[in-house]
Structure formats: structure tokens, C-alpha cells
Amino acid sequence: MFENIIKNIQKKSLKERFLLVMGILLFLAYLVLGLIFIFWKSFPIAMLPKYRMAFGVVLIVYSFIRLFRVYNANNE
């Protein structure tokens, strides 16, 4: 399975590989940002905890949507 993924990545152009790496980095950035919103108790932005939690969950869901789109683009 991993061999097929590596072969597929190696067949891509430099631009496509760069966009793949950027997509993965943005997935990680949104995921970490969502986790920061949820778990950082003394957050510098004044928000009610329920809104902070909701925004964190929205960011995490959006990060997985981005990961799904990167995965689908990688299979083509």
C-alpha cells in the first residue's frame, strides 16, 4: 500500500508534489489551531468557553475536509 503511494508521489511533477506538501501542512496547521482553541484555558482572546470549543471543533472538521480533498487529489 505504501509502495503504491510512494510510486504515485514520485510520478508527480514538482509543482504537484509541492501542492501535496502544502496541503498536508495546512491540514496540520488547522488541526493544531483547533486543538489550541479547545484545550488552551487562558486563551488571550476573550471568548466564552462554549464558543471557543465550537470554533475549535469547526477548525478540526475543516482540517479533515482539507485532508480528504488532498487525498482525493493525490489519487488522480
PDB file of N, CA and C in Angstrom:
ATOM      1  N   MET A   1       0.826  -1.195   0.000  1.00  0.00           N
ATOM      2  CA  MET A   1       0.000   0.000   0.000  1.00  0.00           C
ATOM      3  C   MET A   1       0.867   1.255   0.000  1.00  0.00           C
ATOM      4  N   PHE A   2       1.851   1.278   0.919  1.00  0.00           N
ATOM      5  CA  PHE A   2       2.711   2.458   0.986  1.00  0.00           C
ATOM      6  C   PHE A   2       3.604   2.567  -0.248  1.00  0.00           C
ATOM      7  N   GLU A   3       3.951   1.424  -0.821  1.00  0.00           N
ATOM      8  CA  GLU A   3       4.765   1.445  -2.039  1.00  0.00           C
ATOM      9  C   GLU A   3       4.008   2.106  -3.180  1.00  0.00           C
ATOM     10  N   ASN A   4       2.701   1.828  -3.293  1.00  0.00           N
ATOM     11  CA  ASN A   4       1.886   2.452  -4.339  1.00  0.00           C
ATOM     12  C   ASN A   4       1.793   3.956  -4.128  1.00  0.00           C
ATOM     13  N   ILE A   5       1.657   4.383  -2.871  1.00  0.00           N
ATOM     14  CA  ILE A   5       1.573   5.815  -2.566  1.00  0.00           C
ATOM     15  C   ILE A   5       2.888   6.495  -2.935  1.00  0.00           C
ATOM     16  N   ILE A   6       4.009   5.875  -2.581  1.00  0.00           N
ATOM     17  CA  ILE A   6       5.314   6.472  -2.879  1.00  0.00           C
ATOM     18  C   ILE A   6       5.544   6.538  -4.383  1.00  0.00           C
ATOM     19  N   LYS A   7       5.172   5.473  -5.106  1.00  0.00           N
ATOM     20  CA  LYS A   7       5.325   5.484  -6.564  1.00  0.00           C
ATOM     21  C   LYS A   7       4.447   6.555  -7.196  1.00  0.00           C
ATOM     22  N   ASN A   8       3.235   6.727  -6.659  1.00  0.00           N
ATOM     23  CA  ASN A   8       2.319   7.739  -7.172  1.00  0.00           C
ATOM     24  C   ASN A   8       2.874   9.139  -6.943  1.00  0.00           C
ATOM     25  N   ILE A   9       3.476   9.363  -5.785  1.00  0.00           N
ATOM     26  CA  ILE A   9       4.061  10.671  -5.486  1.00  0.00           C
ATOM     27  C   ILE A   9       5.265  10.935  -6.373  1.00  0.00           C
ATOM     28  N   GLN A  10       6.075   9.906  -6.626  1.00  0.00           N
ATOM     29  CA  GLN A  10       7.259  10.081  -7.454  1.00  0.00           C
ATOM     30  C   GLN A  10       6.907  10.372  -8.909  1.00  0.00           C
ATOM     31  N   LYS A  11       5.734   9.932  -9.361  1.00  0.00           N
ATOM     32  CA  LYS A  11       5.311  10.203 -10.733  1.00  0.00           C
ATOM     33  C   LYS A  11       4.842  11.638 -10.919  1.00  0.00           C
ATOM     34  N   LYS A  12       4.535  12.320  -9.840  1.00  0.00           N
ATOM     35  CA  LYS A  12       4.003  13.679  -9.934  1.00  0.00           C
ATOM     36  C   LYS A  12       5.112  14.670 -10.264  1.00  0.00           C
ATOM     37  N   SER A  13       4.692  15.782 -10.836  1.00  0.00           N
ATOM     38  CA  SER A  13       5.652  16.838 -11.132  1.00  0.00           C
ATOM     39  C   SER A  13       6.042  17.550  -9.841  1.00  0.00           C
ATOM     40  N   LEU A  14       7.034  18.397  -9.957  1.00  0.00           N
ATOM     41  CA  LEU A  14       7.499  19.139  -8.782  1.00  0.00           C
ATOM     42  C   LEU A  14       6.394  20.027  -8.222  1.00  0.00           C
ATOM     43  N   LYS A  15       5.625  20.639  -9.101  1.00  0.00           N
ATOM     44  CA  LYS A  15       4.519  21.504  -8.669  1.00  0.00           C
ATOM     45  C   LYS A  15       3.466  20.696  -7.909  1.00  0.00           C
ATOM     46  N   GLU A  16       3.117  19.525  -8.418  1.00  0.00           N
ATOM     47  CA  GLU A  16       2.107  18.693  -7.752  1.00  0.00           C
ATOM     48  C   GLU A  16       2.599  18.192  -6.400  1.00  0.00           C
ATOM     49  N   ARG A  17       3.882  17.849  -6.306  1.00  0.00           N
ATOM     50  CA  ARG A  17       4.439  17.422  -5.017  1.00  0.00           C
ATOM     51  C   ARG A  17       4.456  18.567  -4.023  1.00  0.00           C
ATOM     52  N   PHE A  18       4.783  19.770  -4.496  1.00  0.00           N
ATOM     53  CA  PHE A  18       4.780  20.942  -3.628  1.00  0.00           C
ATOM     54  C   PHE A  18       3.369  21.210  -3.091  1.00  0.00           C
ATOM     55  N   LEU A  19       2.369  21.118  -3.966  1.00  0.00           N
ATOM     56  CA  LEU A  19       0.991  21.337  -3.534  1.00  0.00           C
ATOM     57  C   LEU A  19       0.535  20.252  -2.563  1.00  0.00           C
ATOM     58  N   LEU A  20       1.015  19.034  -2.738  1.00  0.00           N
ATOM     59  CA  LEU A  20       0.696  17.959  -1.803  1.00  0.00           C
ATOM     60  C   LEU A  20       1.271  18.259  -0.422  1.00  0.00           C
ATOM     61  N   VAL A  21       2.525  18.670  -0.380  1.00  0.00           N
ATOM     62  CA  VAL A  21       3.160  19.004   0.900  1.00  0.00           C
ATOM     63  C   VAL A  21       2.462  20.195   1.546  1.00  0.00           C
ATOM     64  N   MET A  22       2.114  21.195   0.763  1.00  0.00           N
ATOM     65  CA  MET A  22       1.414  22.355   1.318  1.00  0.00           C
ATOM     66  C   MET A  22       0.044  21.960   1.860  1.00  0.00           C
ATOM     67  N   GLY A  23      -0.654  21.078   1.165  1.00  0.00           N
ATOM     68  CA  GLY A  23      -1.948  20.609   1.638  1.00  0.00           C
ATOM     69  C   GLY A  23      -1.843  19.885   2.963  1.00  0.00           C
ATOM     70  N   ILE A  24      -0.811  19.051   3.101  1.00  0.00           N
ATOM     71  CA  ILE A  24      -0.604  18.334   4.359  1.00  0.00           C
ATOM     72  C   ILE A  24      -0.231  19.294   5.471  1.00  0.00           C
ATOM     73  N   LEU A  25       0.614  20.275   5.173  1.00  0.00           N
ATOM     74  CA  LEU A  25       0.991  21.260   6.189  1.00  0.00           C
ATOM     75  C   LEU A  25      -0.203  22.100   6.635  1.00  0.00           C
ATOM     76  N   LEU A  26      -1.065  22.474   5.700  1.00  0.00           N
ATOM     77  CA  LEU A  26      -2.251  23.236   6.079  1.00  0.00           C
ATOM     78  C   LEU A  26      -3.221  22.394   6.891  1.00  0.00           C
ATOM     79  N   PHE A  27      -3.325  21.097   6.569  1.00  0.00           N
ATOM     80  CA  PHE A  27      -4.134  20.200   7.395  1.00  0.00           C
ATOM     81  C   PHE A  27      -3.624  20.205   8.830  1.00  0.00           C
ATOM     82  N   LEU A  28      -2.313  20.051   8.984  1.00  0.00           N
ATOM     83  CA  LEU A  28      -1.732  20.038  10.328  1.00  0.00           C
ATOM     84  C   LEU A  28      -1.913  21.375  11.039  1.00  0.00           C
ATOM     85  N   ALA A  29      -1.788  22.477  10.303  1.00  0.00           N
ATOM     86  CA  ALA A  29      -1.945  23.797  10.911  1.00  0.00           C
ATOM     87  C   ALA A  29      -3.367  23.998  11.433  1.00  0.00           C
ATOM     88  N   TYR A  30      -4.378  23.648  10.630  1.00  0.00           N
ATOM     89  CA  TYR A  30      -5.763  23.793  11.076  1.00  0.00           C
ATOM     90  C   TYR A  30      -6.075  22.848  12.231  1.00  0.00           C
ATOM     91  N   LEU A  31      -5.522  21.644  12.202  1.00  0.00           N
ATOM     92  CA  LEU A  31      -5.746  20.689  13.277  1.00  0.00           C
ATOM     93  C   LEU A  31      -5.155  21.213  14.591  1.00  0.00           C
ATOM     94  N   VAL A  32      -3.918  21.685  14.547  1.00  0.00           N
ATOM     95  CA  VAL A  32      -3.266  22.211  15.749  1.00  0.00           C
ATOM     96  C   VAL A  32      -3.986  23.465  16.242  1.00  0.00           C
ATOM     97  N   LEU A  33      -4.392  24.328  15.335  1.00  0.00           N
ATOM     98  CA  LEU A  33      -5.108  25.537  15.735  1.00  0.00           C
ATOM     99  C   LEU A  33      -6.438  25.186  16.419  1.00  0.00           C
ATOM    100  N   GLY A  34      -7.143  24.200  15.887  1.00  0.00           N
ATOM    101  CA  GLY A  34      -8.383  23.760  16.519  1.00  0.00           C
ATOM    102  C   GLY A  34      -8.144  23.200  17.908  1.00  0.00           C
ATOM    103  N   LEU A  35      -7.076  22.397  18.045  1.00  0.00           N
ATOM    104  CA  LEU A  35      -6.754  21.848  19.360  1.00  0.00           C
ATOM    105  C   LEU A  35      -6.334  22.938  20.339  1.00  0.00           C
ATOM    106  N   ILE A  36      -5.640  23.951  19.855  1.00  0.00           N
ATOM    107  CA  ILE A  36      -5.257  25.076  20.719  1.00  0.00           C
ATOM    108  C   ILE A  36      -6.503  25.790  21.221  1.00  0.00           C
ATOM    109  N   PHE A  37      -7.460  26.035  20.324  1.00  0.00           N
ATOM    110  CA  PHE A  37      -8.697  26.703  20.729  1.00  0.00           C
ATOM    111  C   PHE A  37      -9.441  25.890  21.786  1.00  0.00           C
ATOM    112  N   ILE A  38      -9.416  24.581  21.669  1.00  0.00           N
ATOM    113  CA  ILE A  38     -10.171  23.750  22.597  1.00  0.00           C
ATOM    114  C   ILE A  38      -9.476  23.627  23.956  1.00  0.00           C
ATOM    115  N   PHE A  39      -8.178  23.378  23.962  1.00  0.00           N
ATOM    116  CA  PHE A  39      -7.508  22.994  25.203  1.00  0.00           C
ATOM    117  C   PHE A  39      -6.749  24.109  25.924  1.00  0.00           C
ATOM    118  N   TRP A  40      -6.532  25.254  25.311  1.00  0.00           N
ATOM    119  CA  TRP A  40      -5.799  26.327  25.980  1.00  0.00           C
ATOM    120  C   TRP A  40      -6.779  27.108  26.845  1.00  0.00           C
ATOM    121  N   LYS A  41      -6.658  26.939  28.153  1.00  0.00           N
ATOM    122  CA  LYS A  41      -7.644  27.519  29.079  1.00  0.00           C
ATOM    123  C   LYS A  41      -7.523  29.040  29.192  1.00  0.00           C
ATOM    124  N   SER A  42      -6.319  29.566  29.257  1.00  0.00           N
ATOM    125  CA  SER A  42      -6.147  31.021  29.392  1.00  0.00           C
ATOM    126  C   SER A  42      -5.886  31.638  28.018  1.00  0.00           C
ATOM    127  N   PHE A  43      -6.817  31.434  27.115  1.00  0.00           N
ATOM    128  CA  PHE A  43      -6.668  31.909  25.744  1.00  0.00           C
ATOM    129  C   PHE A  43      -6.697  33.429  25.723  1.00  0.00           C
ATOM    130  N   PRO A  44      -5.790  34.084  24.986  1.00  0.00           N
ATOM    131  CA  PRO A  44      -5.702  35.546  25.020  1.00  0.00           C
ATOM    132  C   PRO A  44      -6.907  36.273  24.415  1.00  0.00           C
ATOM    133  N   ILE A  45      -7.699  35.595  23.598  1.00  0.00           N
ATOM    134  CA  ILE A  45      -8.884  36.226  23.014  1.00  0.00           C
ATOM    135  C   ILE A  45     -10.067  35.935  23.931  1.00  0.00           C
ATOM    136  N   ALA A  46     -10.798  36.975  24.290  1.00  0.00           N
ATOM    137  CA  ALA A  46     -11.926  36.808  25.198  1.00  0.00           C
ATOM    138  C   ALA A  46     -13.107  36.165  24.466  1.00  0.00           C
ATOM    139  N   MET A  47     -13.324  34.881  24.746  1.00  0.00           N
ATOM    140  CA  MET A  47     -14.439  34.139  24.169  1.00  0.00           C
ATOM    141  C   MET A  47     -15.041  33.278  25.273  1.00  0.00           C
ATOM    142  N   LEU A  48     -16.335  33.083  25.196  1.00  0.00           N
ATOM    143  CA  LEU A  48     -16.955  32.149  26.120  1.00  0.00           C
ATOM    144  C   LEU A  48     -16.446  30.740  25.805  1.00  0.00           C
ATOM    145  N   PRO A  49     -16.318  29.897  26.815  1.00  0.00           N
ATOM    146  CA  PRO A  49     -15.771  28.542  26.575  1.00  0.00           C
ATOM    147  C   PRO A  49     -16.568  27.731  25.556  1.00  0.00           C
ATOM    148  N   LYS A  50     -17.884  27.864  25.546  1.00  0.00           N
ATOM    149  CA  LYS A  50     -18.658  27.069  24.591  1.00  0.00           C
ATOM    150  C   LYS A  50     -18.415  27.528  23.149  1.00  0.00           C
ATOM    151  N   TYR A  51     -18.206  28.835  22.944  1.00  0.00           N
ATOM    152  CA  TYR A  51     -17.912  29.327  21.601  1.00  0.00           C
ATOM    153  C   TYR A  51     -16.490  28.949  21.178  1.00  0.00           C
ATOM    154  N   ARG A  52     -15.575  28.992  22.146  1.00  0.00           N
ATOM    155  CA  ARG A  52     -14.198  28.595  21.861  1.00  0.00           C
ATOM    156  C   ARG A  52     -14.140  27.118  21.473  1.00  0.00           C
ATOM    157  N   MET A  53     -14.892  26.285  22.199  1.00  0.00           N
ATOM    158  CA  MET A  53     -14.952  24.855  21.903  1.00  0.00           C
ATOM    159  C   MET A  53     -15.589  24.615  20.527  1.00  0.00           C
ATOM    160  N   ALA A  54     -16.667  25.323  20.244  1.00  0.00           N
ATOM    161  CA  ALA A  54     -17.348  25.154  18.955  1.00  0.00           C
ATOM    162  C   ALA A  54     -16.435  25.567  17.798  1.00  0.00           C
ATOM    163  N   PHE A  55     -15.723  26.671  17.958  1.00  0.00           N
ATOM    164  CA  PHE A  55     -14.823  27.122  16.903  1.00  0.00           C
ATOM    165  C   PHE A  55     -13.678  26.135  16.716  1.00  0.00           C
ATOM    166  N   GLY A  56     -13.167  25.570  17.798  1.00  0.00           N
ATOM    167  CA  GLY A  56     -12.120  24.557  17.701  1.00  0.00           C
ATOM    168  C   GLY A  56     -12.589  23.324  16.960  1.00  0.00           C
ATOM    169  N   VAL A  57     -13.819  22.888  17.242  1.00  0.00           N
ATOM    170  CA  VAL A  57     -14.365  21.725  16.551  1.00  0.00           C
ATOM    171  C   VAL A  57     -14.552  22.025  15.062  1.00  0.00           C
ATOM    172  N   VAL A  58     -15.020  23.221  14.745  1.00  0.00           N
ATOM    173  CA  VAL A  58     -15.186  23.605  13.333  1.00  0.00           C
ATOM    174  C   VAL A  58     -13.836  23.593  12.613  1.00  0.00           C
ATOM    175  N   LEU A  59     -12.794  24.084  13.263  1.00  0.00           N
ATOM    176  CA  LEU A  59     -11.465  24.070  12.644  1.00  0.00           C
ATOM    177  C   LEU A  59     -10.966  22.640  12.427  1.00  0.00           C
ATOM    178  N   ILE A  60     -11.213  21.760  13.377  1.00  0.00           N
ATOM    179  CA  ILE A  60     -10.768  20.375  13.240  1.00  0.00           C
ATOM    180  C   ILE A  60     -11.536  19.683  12.119  1.00  0.00           C
ATOM    181  N   VAL A  61     -12.830  19.894  12.045  1.00  0.00           N
ATOM    182  CA  VAL A  61     -13.622  19.300  10.961  1.00  0.00           C
ATOM    183  C   VAL A  61     -13.141  19.829   9.615  1.00  0.00           C
ATOM    184  N   TYR A  62     -12.869  21.131   9.535  1.00  0.00           N
ATOM    185  CA  TYR A  62     -12.374  21.709   8.288  1.00  0.00           C
ATOM    186  C   TYR A  62     -11.010  21.130   7.914  1.00  0.00           C
ATOM    187  N   SER A  63     -10.169  20.864   8.904  1.00  0.00           N
ATOM    188  CA  SER A  63      -8.858  20.285   8.595  1.00  0.00           C
ATOM    189  C   SER A  63      -9.013  18.894   7.988  1.00  0.00           C
ATOM    190  N   PHE A  64      -9.971  18.102   8.486  1.00  0.00           N
ATOM    191  CA  PHE A  64     -10.171  16.777   7.913  1.00  0.00           C
ATOM    192  C   PHE A  64     -10.815  16.847   6.534  1.00  0.00           C
ATOM    193  N   ILE A  65     -11.633  17.859   6.286  1.00  0.00           N
ATOM    194  CA  ILE A  65     -12.164  18.067   4.933  1.00  0.00           C
ATOM    195  C   ILE A  65     -11.028  18.376   3.969  1.00  0.00           C
ATOM    196  N   ARG A  66     -10.090  19.216   4.406  1.00  0.00           N
ATOM    197  CA  ARG A  66      -8.921  19.525   3.568  1.00  0.00           C
ATOM    198  C   ARG A  66      -8.080  18.284   3.315  1.00  0.00           C
ATOM    199  N   LEU A  67      -7.899  17.454   4.355  1.00  0.00           N
ATOM    200  CA  LEU A  67      -7.121  16.229   4.191  1.00  0.00           C
ATOM    201  C   LEU A  67      -7.801  15.295   3.195  1.00  0.00           C
ATOM    202  N   PHE A  68      -9.111  15.188   3.258  1.00  0.00           N
ATOM    203  CA  PHE A  68      -9.855  14.356   2.326  1.00  0.00           C
ATOM    204  C   PHE A  68      -9.680  14.862   0.897  1.00  0.00           C
ATOM    205  N   ARG A  69      -9.713  16.178   0.706  1.00  0.00           N
ATOM    206  CA  ARG A  69      -9.532  16.750  -0.631  1.00  0.00           C
ATOM    207  C   ARG A  69      -8.113  16.518  -1.148  1.00  0.00           C
ATOM    208  N   VAL A  70      -7.109  16.622  -0.255  1.00  0.00           N
ATOM    209  CA  VAL A  70      -5.727  16.368  -0.663  1.00  0.00           C
ATOM    210  C   VAL A  70      -5.573  14.904  -1.040  1.00  0.00           C
ATOM    211  N   TYR A  71      -6.174  14.013  -0.264  1.00  0.00           N
ATOM    212  CA  TYR A  71      -6.108  12.579  -0.558  1.00  0.00           C
ATOM    213  C   TYR A  71      -6.741  12.262  -1.908  1.00  0.00           C
ATOM    214  N   ASN A  72      -7.906  12.858  -2.187  1.00  0.00           N
ATOM    215  CA  ASN A  72      -8.566  12.623  -3.472  1.00  0.00           C
ATOM    216  C   ASN A  72      -7.760  13.188  -4.626  1.00  0.00           C
ATOM    217  N   ALA A  73      -7.160  14.347  -4.441  1.00  0.00           N
ATOM    218  CA  ALA A  73      -6.344  14.945  -5.499  1.00  0.00           C
ATOM    219  C   ALA A  73      -5.082  14.113  -5.743  1.00  0.00           C
ATOM    220  N   ASN A  74      -4.589  13.473  -4.691  1.00  0.00           N
ATOM    221  CA  ASN A  74      -3.380  12.655  -4.814  1.00  0.00           C
ATOM    222  C   ASN A  74      -3.664  11.368  -5.582  1.00  0.00           C
ATOM    223  N   ASN A  75      -4.875  10.855  -5.509  1.00  0.00           N
ATOM    224  CA  ASN A  75      -5.212   9.611  -6.202  1.00  0.00           C
ATOM    225  C   ASN A  75      -5.398   9.804  -7.696  1.00  0.00           C
ATOM    226  N   GLU A  76      -5.640  10.997  -8.145  1.00  0.00           N
ATOM    227  CA  GLU A  76      -5.876  11.251  -9.572  1.00  0.00           C
ATOM    228  C   GLU A  76      -4.592  11.244 -10.362  1.00  0.00           C
TER     229      GLU A  76
END
